[in-house]
Amino acid sequence: MSVKNLDQQGRWRNKMVAFRVSPEEDALIESAVRMTGLTKQDYITRRLTHREVVVQGNPKVYRALREEMMKICSELKRIASGEEINQDLLFRVDMMTAIMDGMKIEDDWRR
C-alpha cells in the first residue's frame, strides 16, 4: 500500500492511479512537466481535473523552456527540408505559446 500524503487542502492522498503510455506520449508528458515546473503528479492531477496549470518561473523552468525551444527549432529546420509536420511538434509549440503568453501578461502586470 502506498504512503499517505496530506495535500494543501488537507486531503489525504492515499490512492494510487497508474496507466500505461507510449514512449512518445511519455516524452510529451515529461516535456510539459518540465516546462511548468510542477511535479508530474500535480501536473497530471490538474490536467485531469480541468484546473488551470500555472507556470511559476524559476531557473529550472527557464532552462526547460530554452531546451524545448531548441528542440522546436531543430524540428522546424527538419520541416523546412520538406518533411511532414509531426503532431507532437504542434502540441509542444501550442504549449510553449501558452506559457510564453502567460509570462507576457505577468510581465505587463508588474509594470
N, C-alpha and C. Protein backbone atom coordinates (compact mmCIF):
# COMPACT_ATOMS: atom_id res chain seq x y z
N MET A 1 0.84 -1.18 0.00
CA MET A 1 0.00 0.00 0.00
C MET A 1 0.89 1.24 0.00
N SER A 2 0.41 2.27 -0.65
CA SER A 2 1.20 3.50 -0.75
C SER A 2 1.15 4.30 0.55
N VAL A 3 2.13 5.14 0.72
CA VAL A 3 2.22 6.01 1.90
C VAL A 3 1.17 7.11 1.77
N LYS A 4 0.52 7.45 2.89
CA LYS A 4 -0.47 8.52 2.88
C LYS A 4 0.23 9.86 2.88
N ASN A 5 -0.26 10.80 2.05
CA ASN A 5 0.28 12.15 1.98
C ASN A 5 -0.87 13.13 2.18
N LEU A 6 -0.61 14.19 2.92
CA LEU A 6 -1.60 15.23 3.14
C LEU A 6 -1.35 16.34 2.13
N ASP A 7 -2.38 16.71 1.32
CA ASP A 7 -2.19 17.77 0.33
C ASP A 7 -2.49 19.13 0.93
N GLN A 8 -2.39 20.19 0.11
CA GLN A 8 -2.57 21.56 0.60
C GLN A 8 -3.98 21.84 1.08
N GLN A 9 -4.96 21.09 0.60
CA GLN A 9 -6.34 21.29 1.04
C GLN A 9 -6.71 20.41 2.23
N GLY A 10 -5.72 19.73 2.80
CA GLY A 10 -5.97 18.90 3.98
C GLY A 10 -6.57 17.54 3.64
N ARG A 11 -6.45 17.11 2.38
CA ARG A 11 -6.98 15.81 1.98
C ARG A 11 -5.86 14.78 2.01
N TRP A 12 -6.21 13.58 2.43
CA TRP A 12 -5.22 12.51 2.43
C TRP A 12 -5.13 11.94 1.03
N ARG A 13 -3.93 11.88 0.52
CA ARG A 13 -3.69 11.28 -0.80
C ARG A 13 -3.14 9.88 -0.58
N ASN A 14 -4.03 8.92 -0.52
CA ASN A 14 -3.60 7.55 -0.27
C ASN A 14 -4.04 6.59 -1.38
N LYS A 15 -4.59 7.11 -2.47
CA LYS A 15 -4.99 6.29 -3.61
C LYS A 15 -3.95 6.43 -4.70
N MET A 16 -3.62 5.31 -5.33
CA MET A 16 -2.65 5.34 -6.41
C MET A 16 -3.37 5.09 -7.73
N VAL A 17 -3.02 5.89 -8.75
CA VAL A 17 -3.56 5.74 -10.08
C VAL A 17 -2.38 5.48 -11.01
N ALA A 18 -2.47 4.44 -11.82
CA ALA A 18 -1.37 4.13 -12.73
C ALA A 18 -1.96 3.80 -14.10
N PHE A 19 -1.23 4.16 -15.15
CA PHE A 19 -1.66 3.84 -16.50
C PHE A 19 -0.44 3.77 -17.40
N ARG A 20 -0.60 3.15 -18.55
CA ARG A 20 0.49 2.98 -19.48
C ARG A 20 0.39 4.01 -20.61
N VAL A 21 1.54 4.47 -21.06
CA VAL A 21 1.61 5.39 -22.19
C VAL A 21 2.71 4.92 -23.13
N SER A 22 2.66 5.39 -24.36
CA SER A 22 3.70 5.07 -25.33
C SER A 22 4.94 5.91 -25.02
N PRO A 23 6.09 5.55 -25.57
CA PRO A 23 7.29 6.38 -25.37
C PRO A 23 7.09 7.81 -25.86
N GLU A 24 6.36 7.98 -26.96
CA GLU A 24 6.10 9.32 -27.48
C GLU A 24 5.21 10.12 -26.54
N GLU A 25 4.18 9.48 -25.99
CA GLU A 25 3.30 10.16 -25.03
C GLU A 25 4.07 10.51 -23.76
N ASP A 26 4.95 9.60 -23.33
CA ASP A 26 5.76 9.87 -22.14
C ASP A 26 6.65 11.09 -22.37
N ALA A 27 7.24 11.18 -23.56
CA ALA A 27 8.11 12.32 -23.86
C ALA A 27 7.32 13.63 -23.82
N LEU A 28 6.08 13.62 -24.33
CA LEU A 28 5.24 14.82 -24.29
C LEU A 28 4.89 15.21 -22.86
N ILE A 29 4.53 14.20 -22.06
CA ILE A 29 4.18 14.47 -20.65
C ILE A 29 5.39 15.01 -19.91
N GLU A 30 6.54 14.38 -20.08
CA GLU A 30 7.76 14.83 -19.40
C GLU A 30 8.11 16.26 -19.82
N SER A 31 7.96 16.55 -21.10
CA SER A 31 8.25 17.90 -21.60
C SER A 31 7.32 18.92 -20.95
N ALA A 32 6.04 18.61 -20.90
CA ALA A 32 5.06 19.52 -20.30
C ALA A 32 5.36 19.73 -18.81
N VAL A 33 5.70 18.67 -18.12
CA VAL A 33 6.00 18.77 -16.69
C VAL A 33 7.22 19.67 -16.46
N ARG A 34 8.27 19.47 -17.27
CA ARG A 34 9.48 20.30 -17.12
C ARG A 34 9.17 21.77 -17.37
N MET A 35 8.34 22.05 -18.39
CA MET A 35 8.06 23.45 -18.73
C MET A 35 7.17 24.15 -17.72
N THR A 36 6.40 23.40 -16.94
CA THR A 36 5.53 24.03 -15.96
C THR A 36 6.19 24.19 -14.60
N GLY A 37 7.19 23.36 -14.31
CA GLY A 37 7.83 23.42 -13.01
C GLY A 37 7.06 22.68 -11.93
N LEU A 38 5.97 22.04 -12.29
CA LEU A 38 5.19 21.27 -11.32
C LEU A 38 5.75 19.86 -11.22
N THR A 39 5.32 19.14 -10.20
CA THR A 39 5.65 17.71 -10.15
C THR A 39 4.76 17.02 -11.17
N LYS A 40 5.16 15.83 -11.58
CA LYS A 40 4.36 15.08 -12.55
C LYS A 40 2.96 14.81 -11.96
N GLN A 41 2.90 14.47 -10.69
CA GLN A 41 1.63 14.20 -10.04
C GLN A 41 0.72 15.43 -10.07
N ASP A 42 1.25 16.58 -9.70
CA ASP A 42 0.45 17.81 -9.69
C ASP A 42 0.01 18.19 -11.10
N TYR A 43 0.92 18.06 -12.08
CA TYR A 43 0.57 18.41 -13.46
C TYR A 43 -0.57 17.53 -13.97
N ILE A 44 -0.43 16.21 -13.82
CA ILE A 44 -1.45 15.29 -14.33
C ILE A 44 -2.76 15.48 -13.58
N THR A 45 -2.71 15.65 -12.28
CA THR A 45 -3.94 15.86 -11.50
C THR A 45 -4.66 17.13 -11.95
N ARG A 46 -3.92 18.22 -12.14
CA ARG A 46 -4.55 19.47 -12.59
C ARG A 46 -5.16 19.32 -13.98
N ARG A 47 -4.45 18.65 -14.88
CA ARG A 47 -4.98 18.48 -16.23
C ARG A 47 -6.23 17.60 -16.24
N LEU A 48 -6.22 16.54 -15.47
CA LEU A 48 -7.36 15.62 -15.44
C LEU A 48 -8.59 16.22 -14.76
N THR A 49 -8.36 17.14 -13.84
CA THR A 49 -9.49 17.78 -13.14
C THR A 49 -9.84 19.14 -13.75
N HIS A 50 -9.26 19.44 -14.91
CA HIS A 50 -9.56 20.67 -15.65
C HIS A 50 -9.29 21.93 -14.84
N ARG A 51 -8.27 21.87 -13.99
CA ARG A 51 -7.85 23.06 -13.27
C ARG A 51 -6.72 23.73 -14.03
N GLU A 52 -6.56 25.03 -13.81
CA GLU A 52 -5.55 25.79 -14.51
C GLU A 52 -4.14 25.35 -14.08
N VAL A 53 -3.27 25.22 -15.06
CA VAL A 53 -1.86 24.92 -14.79
C VAL A 53 -1.11 26.25 -14.86
N VAL A 54 -0.66 26.72 -13.72
CA VAL A 54 0.04 28.00 -13.63
C VAL A 54 1.54 27.73 -13.57
N VAL A 55 2.27 28.36 -14.49
CA VAL A 55 3.71 28.19 -14.54
C VAL A 55 4.37 29.23 -13.65
N GLN A 56 5.16 28.77 -12.71
CA GLN A 56 5.92 29.65 -11.84
C GLN A 56 7.35 29.70 -12.38
N GLY A 57 7.74 30.87 -12.87
CA GLY A 57 9.08 31.00 -13.45
C GLY A 57 10.17 30.86 -12.41
N ASN A 58 11.14 30.04 -12.72
CA ASN A 58 12.34 29.89 -11.91
C ASN A 58 13.45 29.41 -12.84
N PRO A 59 14.69 29.37 -12.40
CA PRO A 59 15.78 28.96 -13.31
C PRO A 59 15.56 27.60 -13.96
N LYS A 60 15.00 26.66 -13.22
CA LYS A 60 14.75 25.32 -13.78
C LYS A 60 13.72 25.39 -14.91
N VAL A 61 12.68 26.17 -14.73
CA VAL A 61 11.64 26.30 -15.76
C VAL A 61 12.20 27.02 -16.98
N TYR A 62 12.96 28.09 -16.76
CA TYR A 62 13.55 28.81 -17.89
C TYR A 62 14.50 27.91 -18.68
N ARG A 63 15.26 27.09 -18.00
CA ARG A 63 16.16 26.15 -18.67
C ARG A 63 15.35 25.15 -19.50
N ALA A 64 14.26 24.63 -18.93
CA ALA A 64 13.41 23.69 -19.67
C ALA A 64 12.78 24.35 -20.88
N LEU A 65 12.36 25.61 -20.74
CA LEU A 65 11.78 26.34 -21.87
C LEU A 65 12.81 26.54 -22.97
N ARG A 66 14.03 26.88 -22.58
CA ARG A 66 15.10 27.09 -23.57
C ARG A 66 15.41 25.79 -24.30
N GLU A 67 15.50 24.68 -23.56
CA GLU A 67 15.76 23.38 -24.19
C GLU A 67 14.64 22.98 -25.13
N GLU A 68 13.41 23.24 -24.72
CA GLU A 68 12.26 22.91 -25.55
C GLU A 68 12.26 23.76 -26.82
N MET A 69 12.62 25.02 -26.69
CA MET A 69 12.68 25.89 -27.87
C MET A 69 13.75 25.41 -28.84
N MET A 70 14.87 24.92 -28.33
CA MET A 70 15.92 24.38 -29.19
C MET A 70 15.42 23.16 -29.95
N LYS A 71 14.65 22.29 -29.28
CA LYS A 71 14.07 21.12 -29.94
C LYS A 71 13.09 21.55 -31.03
N ILE A 72 12.28 22.55 -30.72
CA ILE A 72 11.30 23.05 -31.70
C ILE A 72 12.02 23.62 -32.91
N CYS A 73 13.09 24.37 -32.68
CA CYS A 73 13.85 24.95 -33.80
C CYS A 73 14.43 23.86 -34.69
N SER A 74 14.95 22.80 -34.09
CA SER A 74 15.51 21.72 -34.91
C SER A 74 14.41 21.01 -35.70
N GLU A 75 13.23 20.87 -35.11
CA GLU A 75 12.11 20.27 -35.83
C GLU A 75 11.66 21.17 -36.98
N LEU A 76 11.65 22.47 -36.76
CA LEU A 76 11.26 23.40 -37.82
C LEU A 76 12.26 23.35 -38.98
N LYS A 77 13.53 23.18 -38.67
CA LYS A 77 14.54 23.04 -39.73
C LYS A 77 14.30 21.75 -40.52
N ARG A 78 13.91 20.70 -39.82
CA ARG A 78 13.62 19.43 -40.48
C ARG A 78 12.43 19.59 -41.41
N ILE A 79 11.42 20.30 -40.96
CA ILE A 79 10.21 20.53 -41.77
C ILE A 79 10.55 21.39 -42.99
N ALA A 80 11.44 22.35 -42.79
CA ALA A 80 11.82 23.24 -43.90
C ALA A 80 12.45 22.45 -45.04
N SER A 81 13.03 21.29 -44.72
CA SER A 81 13.64 20.47 -45.77
C SER A 81 12.60 19.64 -46.52
N GLY A 82 11.32 19.83 -46.20
CA GLY A 82 10.25 19.17 -46.95
C GLY A 82 9.61 17.99 -46.27
N GLU A 83 10.01 17.68 -45.04
CA GLU A 83 9.41 16.56 -44.34
C GLU A 83 8.07 16.95 -43.73
N GLU A 84 7.31 15.96 -43.32
CA GLU A 84 5.97 16.17 -42.81
C GLU A 84 5.98 16.71 -41.37
N ILE A 85 4.94 17.48 -41.02
CA ILE A 85 4.82 18.04 -39.67
C ILE A 85 4.34 16.96 -38.70
N ASN A 86 5.03 16.85 -37.59
CA ASN A 86 4.71 15.88 -36.56
C ASN A 86 3.67 16.50 -35.60
N GLN A 87 2.65 15.74 -35.23
CA GLN A 87 1.62 16.24 -34.31
C GLN A 87 2.19 16.58 -32.94
N ASP A 88 3.22 15.85 -32.51
CA ASP A 88 3.86 16.15 -31.22
C ASP A 88 4.48 17.54 -31.24
N LEU A 89 5.03 17.93 -32.38
CA LEU A 89 5.61 19.26 -32.52
C LEU A 89 4.53 20.32 -32.35
N LEU A 90 3.39 20.10 -32.96
CA LEU A 90 2.29 21.07 -32.83
C LEU A 90 1.84 21.20 -31.38
N PHE A 91 1.79 20.09 -30.66
CA PHE A 91 1.44 20.11 -29.24
C PHE A 91 2.45 20.94 -28.46
N ARG A 92 3.75 20.70 -28.72
CA ARG A 92 4.80 21.43 -28.00
C ARG A 92 4.77 22.92 -28.31
N VAL A 93 4.57 23.26 -29.57
CA VAL A 93 4.52 24.68 -29.95
C VAL A 93 3.32 25.35 -29.29
N ASP A 94 2.19 24.67 -29.27
CA ASP A 94 0.98 25.22 -28.64
C ASP A 94 1.20 25.44 -27.15
N MET A 95 1.82 24.47 -26.48
CA MET A 95 2.07 24.60 -25.05
C MET A 95 3.08 25.72 -24.78
N MET A 96 4.13 25.78 -25.58
CA MET A 96 5.14 26.83 -25.40
C MET A 96 4.51 28.20 -25.60
N THR A 97 3.64 28.34 -26.60
CA THR A 97 2.96 29.61 -26.86
C THR A 97 2.11 30.03 -25.67
N ALA A 98 1.36 29.08 -25.12
CA ALA A 98 0.51 29.38 -23.96
C ALA A 98 1.35 29.83 -22.77
N ILE A 99 2.46 29.15 -22.53
CA ILE A 99 3.33 29.51 -21.41
C ILE A 99 3.92 30.90 -21.62
N MET A 100 4.42 31.15 -22.82
CA MET A 100 5.03 32.46 -23.10
C MET A 100 3.99 33.58 -23.04
N ASP A 101 2.77 33.32 -23.51
CA ASP A 101 1.70 34.32 -23.40
C ASP A 101 1.41 34.63 -21.94
N GLY A 102 1.37 33.61 -21.11
CA GLY A 102 1.13 33.81 -19.68
C GLY A 102 2.23 34.61 -19.03
N MET A 103 3.46 34.36 -19.44
CA MET A 103 4.59 35.10 -18.88
C MET A 103 4.53 36.55 -19.32
N LYS A 104 4.08 36.80 -20.54
CA LYS A 104 3.97 38.17 -21.04
C LYS A 104 2.94 38.95 -20.24
N ILE A 105 1.80 38.34 -19.96
CA ILE A 105 0.74 39.00 -19.20
C ILE A 105 1.25 39.32 -17.80
N GLU A 106 1.96 38.38 -17.19
CA GLU A 106 2.51 38.61 -15.86
C GLU A 106 3.52 39.74 -15.88
N ASP A 107 4.37 39.79 -16.90
CA ASP A 107 5.36 40.86 -17.03
C ASP A 107 4.67 42.20 -17.20
N ASP A 108 3.61 42.26 -18.03
CA ASP A 108 2.88 43.51 -18.24
C ASP A 108 2.23 43.99 -16.95
N TRP A 109 1.76 43.06 -16.13
CA TRP A 109 1.09 43.39 -14.88
C TRP A 109 2.07 44.04 -13.89
N ARG A 110 3.32 43.61 -13.93
CA ARG A 110 4.33 44.12 -13.00
C ARG A 110 4.69 45.57 -13.29
N ARG A 111 4.52 46.01 -14.52
CA ARG A 111 4.93 47.37 -14.90
C ARG A 111 3.98 48.41 -14.41
